[in-house]
Amino acid sequence: MNGKFTFSAALLVLACSVAFGAGCSKQSMTVPDQTPSGPKKLDVADLSAHDAAQKIMFTPGNVIKMRQFMSGNRSGAKELGYDTEEIDRNVVIKHFAPANLADVEWKADFTNPDRQKMQRSGALPGGNLKNSYELDLPAFWKEGDDNALGKGILWLSPDVYENLSVSKQSSLDLGLTDANLIAKLPEGKTKAGLLALGNEVKKVIDRQDVFFAKADNGLGEYQLVVNGKPTKVEVIKAHNWFGEVTVLNNKQNPLVLKLQLAKNSQEGNFGGLFDYEIVELQDLQE
C-alpha cells in the first residue's frame, strides 16, 4: 500500500512539474496579455493604387488635410478673410455614413502679410452624399456654424460616381452659380465675379450643357499621404465647362481629391480662389 502511494505521489509531482514549471505553483504560470489591442492604423503604402483606394474609409475623428493656393487672387482671398497666398485647411470628420451623409468641422491656418499666424474655423453639417449632384467648395465655407444645404461637400453621390465610372458622363455642379452659396459671400469683386459667371452661363446654356461632366477613358493615379506614408491611389478624372475634378476611385468614399477651375470659368478672375488639393489623410483605421 505504501509503495503504491509513493508511486502515485511521484506521478502527481511529475505532472505538476510539467504543467506549472515547479511544485504545482499556479503563480509561476505565464498569463497571456489581456490588454485590448484596439483599432489598427490603416497602412496602404505597399498596396497597388487600386487596392489602396478601395481601403480608404472614414470614421469620426479622421482628418483630411487640404491646401489652397490663392497667389493669383490676393484681393479675392482677402475679401473672404484670408489675407494670404496659401491656406492649410484641416477637415475633421464628425459623422460619415457612406452614400448617405457627412458632417465635418474645419480649421484653416495661414500667415498674413505681417507674418502673423492666423486661424479660422467652422462647422459644416448636413452633407448630402445620397443623391446630390452639387459640391460645396471650401471657399464658400463660412466661419462658425454653417450648413451644407443638402450638397455633397467634398463627395460625389453614388449616382454621379457610377455614371462617371461606367458611362463616363454625368451631371456635376461645382456650385459656382448657386445663389444660396453666393449669398454667403461678402460683397466684393469675388461675389460680383460669380454673378458675372452666372450671366455667362445663361448665354451658353441653350447650346451647351455646362454641367455635363465627362470622365477620362482610363483611370489615373494620385499621390497622397495616408497615415504618414506616401501612397498612390487610383482616381477618376472628369471635367465639365467649369473645371476638372480628381476623384478617389472608391464607390463607398468617392472623395474629390482635387479641383481646378477651367479657363472659361475665370470671368471673375478667381485666380485659384476656388481650387484646392487634398494632400494627406490622417488617423485612418483598418
Protein backbone atom coordinates (compact mmCIF):
# COMPACT_ATOMS: atom_id res chain seq x y z
CA MET A 1 0.00 0.00 0.00
CA ASN A 2 2.80 2.40 0.90
CA GLY A 3 4.60 1.52 -2.33
CA LYS A 4 1.52 2.31 -4.38
CA PHE A 5 1.06 5.60 -2.56
CA THR A 6 4.70 6.57 -3.09
CA PHE A 7 4.49 5.76 -6.81
CA SER A 8 1.22 7.74 -7.24
CA ALA A 9 2.65 10.73 -5.38
CA ALA A 10 5.69 10.70 -7.62
CA LEU A 11 3.49 10.75 -10.71
CA LEU A 12 1.50 13.67 -9.26
CA VAL A 13 4.64 15.66 -8.59
CA LEU A 14 5.89 14.96 -12.11
CA ALA A 15 2.58 16.03 -13.66
CA CYS A 16 2.54 19.24 -11.64
CA SER A 17 6.10 19.99 -12.63
CA VAL A 18 5.23 19.63 -16.32
CA ALA A 19 2.05 21.72 -16.04
CA PHE A 20 3.23 24.56 -13.86
CA GLY A 21 7.01 24.54 -14.06
CA ALA A 22 7.68 23.80 -10.37
CA GLY A 23 5.87 22.48 -7.31
CA CYS A 24 2.29 22.88 -8.66
CA SER A 25 2.51 26.64 -8.07
CA LYS A 26 -0.05 28.41 -10.30
CA GLN A 27 1.67 31.68 -9.57
CA SER A 28 4.55 30.64 -11.81
CA MET A 29 2.27 30.31 -14.87
CA THR A 30 2.70 32.78 -17.76
CA VAL A 31 -0.57 34.71 -18.09
CA PRO A 32 -1.50 35.82 -21.63
CA ASP A 33 -1.62 39.60 -22.18
CA GLN A 34 -5.26 40.62 -21.87
CA THR A 35 -4.72 44.26 -22.91
CA PRO A 36 -7.13 45.13 -25.75
CA SER A 37 -5.25 45.75 -28.98
CA GLY A 38 -7.65 48.50 -30.13
CA PRO A 39 -8.18 49.74 -33.69
CA LYS A 40 -5.30 49.17 -36.06
CA LYS A 41 -3.97 52.03 -38.18
CA LEU A 42 -4.55 51.67 -41.90
CA ASP A 43 -1.38 51.02 -43.90
CA VAL A 44 -1.80 51.07 -47.67
CA ALA A 45 1.66 52.24 -48.71
CA ASP A 46 2.66 48.86 -50.17
CA LEU A 47 -0.64 48.18 -51.94
CA SER A 48 -1.43 48.85 -55.58
CA ALA A 49 -3.10 52.17 -56.35
CA HIS A 50 -6.39 50.35 -56.94
CA ASP A 51 -6.29 48.39 -53.69
CA ALA A 52 -5.15 51.42 -51.69
CA ALA A 53 -8.11 53.47 -52.94
CA GLN A 54 -10.54 50.70 -52.03
CA LYS A 55 -9.23 50.53 -48.45
CA ILE A 56 -9.73 54.20 -47.61
CA MET A 57 -12.83 54.73 -45.49
CA PHE A 58 -13.68 57.44 -42.98
CA THR A 59 -14.77 57.26 -39.36
CA PRO A 60 -15.30 60.09 -36.84
CA GLY A 61 -12.05 61.80 -35.93
CA ASN A 62 -10.30 61.22 -39.26
CA VAL A 63 -8.56 64.28 -40.70
CA ILE A 64 -8.43 65.47 -44.31
CA LYS A 65 -5.60 67.93 -44.93
CA MET A 66 -6.02 70.16 -47.96
CA ARG A 67 -4.13 73.04 -49.49
CA GLN A 68 -5.44 76.09 -51.31
CA PHE A 69 -3.20 78.37 -53.37
CA MET A 70 -4.52 81.91 -53.79
CA SER A 71 -1.47 83.71 -55.15
CA GLY A 72 -3.39 84.59 -58.33
CA ASN A 73 -6.07 86.48 -56.44
CA ARG A 74 -4.83 88.01 -53.20
CA SER A 75 -7.57 90.64 -53.20
CA GLY A 76 -10.25 87.96 -53.53
CA ALA A 77 -8.68 85.92 -50.75
CA LYS A 78 -8.67 89.00 -48.53
CA GLU A 79 -12.37 89.55 -49.23
CA LEU A 80 -13.07 86.06 -47.92
CA GLY A 81 -11.00 86.68 -44.79
CA TYR A 82 -7.77 85.02 -45.94
CA ASP A 83 -5.11 87.67 -46.47
CA THR A 84 -2.55 85.19 -47.75
CA GLU A 85 -1.32 83.23 -50.77
CA GLU A 86 -1.70 79.76 -49.30
CA ILE A 87 -4.09 78.09 -46.85
CA ASP A 88 -3.61 74.81 -45.00
CA ARG A 89 -7.05 73.53 -44.09
CA ASN A 90 -7.78 70.58 -41.80
CA VAL A 91 -11.19 68.98 -42.24
CA VAL A 92 -12.24 66.72 -39.35
CA ILE A 93 -14.85 64.04 -39.95
CA LYS A 94 -17.57 64.27 -37.28
CA HIS A 95 -20.04 61.88 -38.88
CA PHE A 96 -19.71 59.82 -42.03
CA ALA A 97 -22.25 57.38 -43.45
CA PRO A 98 -21.19 56.15 -46.91
CA ALA A 99 -23.57 57.12 -49.70
CA ASN A 100 -25.75 58.86 -47.14
CA LEU A 101 -24.41 61.84 -45.19
CA ALA A 102 -21.38 63.62 -43.78
CA ASP A 103 -20.80 66.25 -41.10
CA VAL A 104 -17.43 67.98 -40.88
CA GLU A 105 -15.58 70.63 -38.92
CA TRP A 106 -12.62 72.58 -40.27
CA LYS A 107 -9.71 74.80 -39.30
CA ALA A 108 -7.76 76.95 -41.74
CA ASP A 109 -4.25 78.11 -40.86
CA PHE A 110 -2.42 80.83 -42.77
CA THR A 111 0.15 83.59 -42.39
CA ASN A 112 -0.84 87.16 -43.21
CA PRO A 113 1.47 89.75 -44.85
CA ASP A 114 2.66 90.86 -41.38
CA ARG A 115 3.83 87.26 -40.81
CA GLN A 116 1.23 86.72 -38.12
CA LYS A 117 -0.16 83.21 -37.70
CA MET A 118 -3.91 83.29 -38.28
CA GLN A 119 -6.66 80.70 -37.93
CA ARG A 120 -10.30 80.44 -38.92
CA SER A 121 -12.66 77.58 -38.13
CA GLY A 122 -16.18 76.38 -38.65
CA ALA A 123 -18.65 73.51 -38.72
CA LEU A 124 -20.41 72.21 -41.81
CA PRO A 125 -23.12 69.63 -41.07
CA GLY A 126 -25.75 68.39 -43.47
CA GLY A 127 -23.64 66.98 -46.29
CA ASN A 128 -25.89 65.01 -48.66
CA LEU A 129 -23.93 62.05 -50.03
CA LYS A 130 -27.06 60.20 -51.10
CA ASN A 131 -28.35 61.99 -54.19
CA SER A 132 -26.69 65.39 -54.56
CA TYR A 133 -25.17 66.46 -57.87
CA GLU A 134 -23.53 69.55 -56.36
CA LEU A 135 -20.37 70.20 -54.34
CA ASP A 136 -19.81 72.83 -51.64
CA LEU A 137 -16.29 74.14 -52.25
CA PRO A 138 -14.11 75.25 -49.30
CA ALA A 139 -14.01 78.87 -50.46
CA PHE A 140 -17.74 79.07 -49.69
CA TRP A 141 -17.40 77.73 -46.14
CA LYS A 142 -18.45 80.32 -43.59
CA GLU A 143 -16.64 80.78 -40.30
CA GLY A 144 -18.57 79.47 -37.31
CA ASP A 145 -21.72 77.40 -37.71
CA ASP A 146 -22.71 76.81 -41.31
CA ASN A 147 -24.75 74.25 -43.23
CA ALA A 148 -24.04 72.27 -46.39
CA LEU A 149 -27.62 72.91 -47.54
CA GLY A 150 -28.00 69.39 -48.88
CA LYS A 151 -24.89 69.48 -51.07
CA GLY A 152 -22.23 66.79 -51.21
CA ILE A 153 -19.48 68.97 -49.69
CA LEU A 154 -16.34 67.15 -50.98
CA TRP A 155 -18.00 63.89 -52.11
CA LEU A 156 -19.85 62.65 -55.16
CA SER A 157 -23.17 60.88 -54.75
CA PRO A 158 -23.45 57.19 -55.78
CA ASP A 159 -25.25 58.16 -59.00
CA VAL A 160 -22.59 60.62 -60.08
CA TYR A 161 -19.79 58.20 -59.22
CA GLU A 162 -21.49 55.30 -61.00
CA ASN A 163 -22.20 57.40 -64.10
CA LEU A 164 -18.59 58.61 -64.34
CA SER A 165 -17.30 55.07 -63.73
CA VAL A 166 -19.49 53.22 -66.22
CA SER A 167 -20.81 55.56 -68.92
CA LYS A 168 -18.03 58.13 -68.36
CA GLN A 169 -20.50 61.01 -68.19
CA SER A 170 -22.71 62.67 -65.59
CA SER A 171 -24.16 65.96 -64.47
CA LEU A 172 -21.93 67.70 -61.92
CA ASP A 173 -22.40 71.15 -60.39
CA LEU A 174 -19.43 72.83 -58.71
CA GLY A 175 -21.75 75.34 -57.05
CA LEU A 176 -20.23 78.41 -58.68
CA THR A 177 -23.59 79.73 -59.87
CA ASP A 178 -25.62 78.62 -56.84
CA ALA A 179 -27.45 81.65 -55.46
CA ASN A 180 -27.54 80.22 -51.93
CA LEU A 181 -23.76 79.72 -51.86
CA ILE A 182 -23.00 83.08 -53.45
CA ALA A 183 -25.26 84.77 -50.88
CA LYS A 184 -22.90 83.59 -48.11
CA LEU A 185 -20.02 85.61 -49.55
CA PRO A 186 -19.30 89.22 -48.55
CA GLU A 187 -19.84 91.98 -51.05
CA GLY A 188 -16.83 92.50 -53.29
CA LYS A 189 -15.16 91.53 -56.55
CA THR A 190 -15.39 87.80 -55.91
CA LYS A 191 -19.13 87.86 -55.42
CA ALA A 192 -19.53 90.15 -58.42
CA GLY A 193 -17.35 87.81 -60.46
CA LEU A 194 -19.53 84.83 -59.63
CA LEU A 195 -22.63 86.77 -60.59
CA ALA A 196 -20.92 87.66 -63.88
CA LEU A 197 -20.09 83.98 -64.35
CA GLY A 198 -23.76 83.17 -63.86
CA ASN A 199 -24.64 85.64 -66.61
CA GLU A 200 -22.07 84.00 -68.88
CA VAL A 201 -23.65 80.60 -68.21
CA LYS A 202 -27.05 81.96 -69.22
CA LYS A 203 -25.58 82.97 -72.58
CA VAL A 204 -24.29 79.48 -73.41
CA ILE A 205 -26.72 77.17 -71.59
CA ASP A 206 -29.06 76.93 -74.62
CA ARG A 207 -26.33 75.44 -76.79
CA GLN A 208 -24.10 73.79 -74.21
CA ASP A 209 -24.82 71.85 -71.03
CA VAL A 210 -22.22 73.45 -68.76
CA PHE A 211 -22.91 70.89 -66.02
CA PHE A 212 -22.23 67.91 -68.30
CA ALA A 213 -19.08 66.18 -66.97
CA LYS A 214 -17.07 63.70 -69.00
CA ALA A 215 -14.59 61.29 -67.42
CA ASP A 216 -11.28 60.26 -68.96
CA ASN A 217 -11.35 56.83 -70.58
CA GLY A 218 -8.66 55.38 -68.34
CA LEU A 219 -8.11 55.56 -64.61
CA GLY A 220 -5.26 57.64 -63.20
CA GLU A 221 -3.13 57.77 -60.07
CA TYR A 222 -2.80 60.46 -57.42
CA GLN A 223 -0.06 60.95 -54.85
CA LEU A 224 -1.40 61.16 -51.31
CA VAL A 225 -0.01 60.76 -47.79
CA VAL A 226 -2.05 58.26 -45.78
CA ASN A 227 -1.26 57.96 -42.06
CA GLY A 228 2.15 59.49 -42.62
CA LYS A 229 3.18 57.31 -45.58
CA PRO A 230 3.34 58.44 -49.24
CA THR A 231 0.80 56.43 -51.21
CA LYS A 232 -0.54 56.29 -54.74
CA VAL A 233 -4.30 55.89 -55.07
CA GLU A 234 -6.44 55.19 -58.12
CA VAL A 235 -8.58 58.08 -59.32
CA ILE A 236 -11.18 59.10 -61.85
CA LYS A 237 -10.60 62.41 -63.64
CA ALA A 238 -13.57 64.24 -65.09
CA HIS A 239 -14.21 67.73 -66.42
CA ASN A 240 -17.04 69.99 -67.45
CA TRP A 241 -17.33 73.61 -68.56
CA PHE A 242 -16.42 74.86 -65.09
CA GLY A 243 -13.34 72.78 -64.39
CA GLU A 244 -11.76 69.41 -63.61
CA VAL A 245 -12.18 67.10 -60.62
CA THR A 246 -9.96 64.23 -59.48
CA VAL A 247 -12.00 61.66 -57.54
CA LEU A 248 -10.90 58.74 -55.35
CA ASN A 249 -11.97 55.57 -57.15
CA ASN A 250 -13.94 54.16 -54.24
CA LYS A 251 -17.69 53.57 -54.53
CA GLN A 252 -18.17 53.96 -50.77
CA ASN A 253 -15.93 57.01 -50.48
CA PRO A 254 -15.78 58.99 -53.77
CA LEU A 255 -13.86 61.91 -52.28
CA VAL A 256 -12.97 64.78 -54.63
CA LEU A 257 -9.23 64.96 -54.03
CA LYS A 258 -8.52 67.89 -56.31
CA LEU A 259 -10.47 70.61 -58.08
CA GLN A 260 -9.18 73.10 -60.62
CA LEU A 261 -11.31 75.61 -62.48
CA ALA A 262 -11.16 75.79 -66.26
CA LYS A 263 -10.11 78.96 -68.08
CA ASN A 264 -13.66 79.64 -69.21
CA SER A 265 -14.60 79.85 -65.52
CA GLN A 266 -12.30 82.80 -64.95
CA GLU A 267 -14.87 85.52 -65.62
CA GLY A 268 -14.30 86.84 -62.13
CA ASN A 269 -10.51 86.44 -62.26
CA PHE A 270 -10.72 83.91 -59.43
CA GLY A 271 -7.03 83.03 -59.70
CA GLY A 272 -7.12 79.78 -57.73
CA LEU A 273 -9.56 81.05 -55.13
CA PHE A 274 -11.85 78.03 -55.54
CA ASP A 275 -9.17 75.46 -56.41
CA TYR A 276 -7.91 73.00 -53.81
CA GLU A 277 -5.98 69.78 -53.48
CA ILE A 278 -6.07 67.19 -50.70
CA VAL A 279 -2.55 66.24 -49.68
CA GLU A 280 -2.94 63.98 -46.64
CA LEU A 281 -5.36 61.74 -44.74
CA GLN A 282 -4.71 61.16 -41.03
CA ASP A 283 -5.85 58.71 -38.32
CA LEU A 284 -7.49 56.24 -40.70
CA GLN A 285 -8.17 52.75 -39.34
CA GLU A 286 -8.46 49.34 -40.93
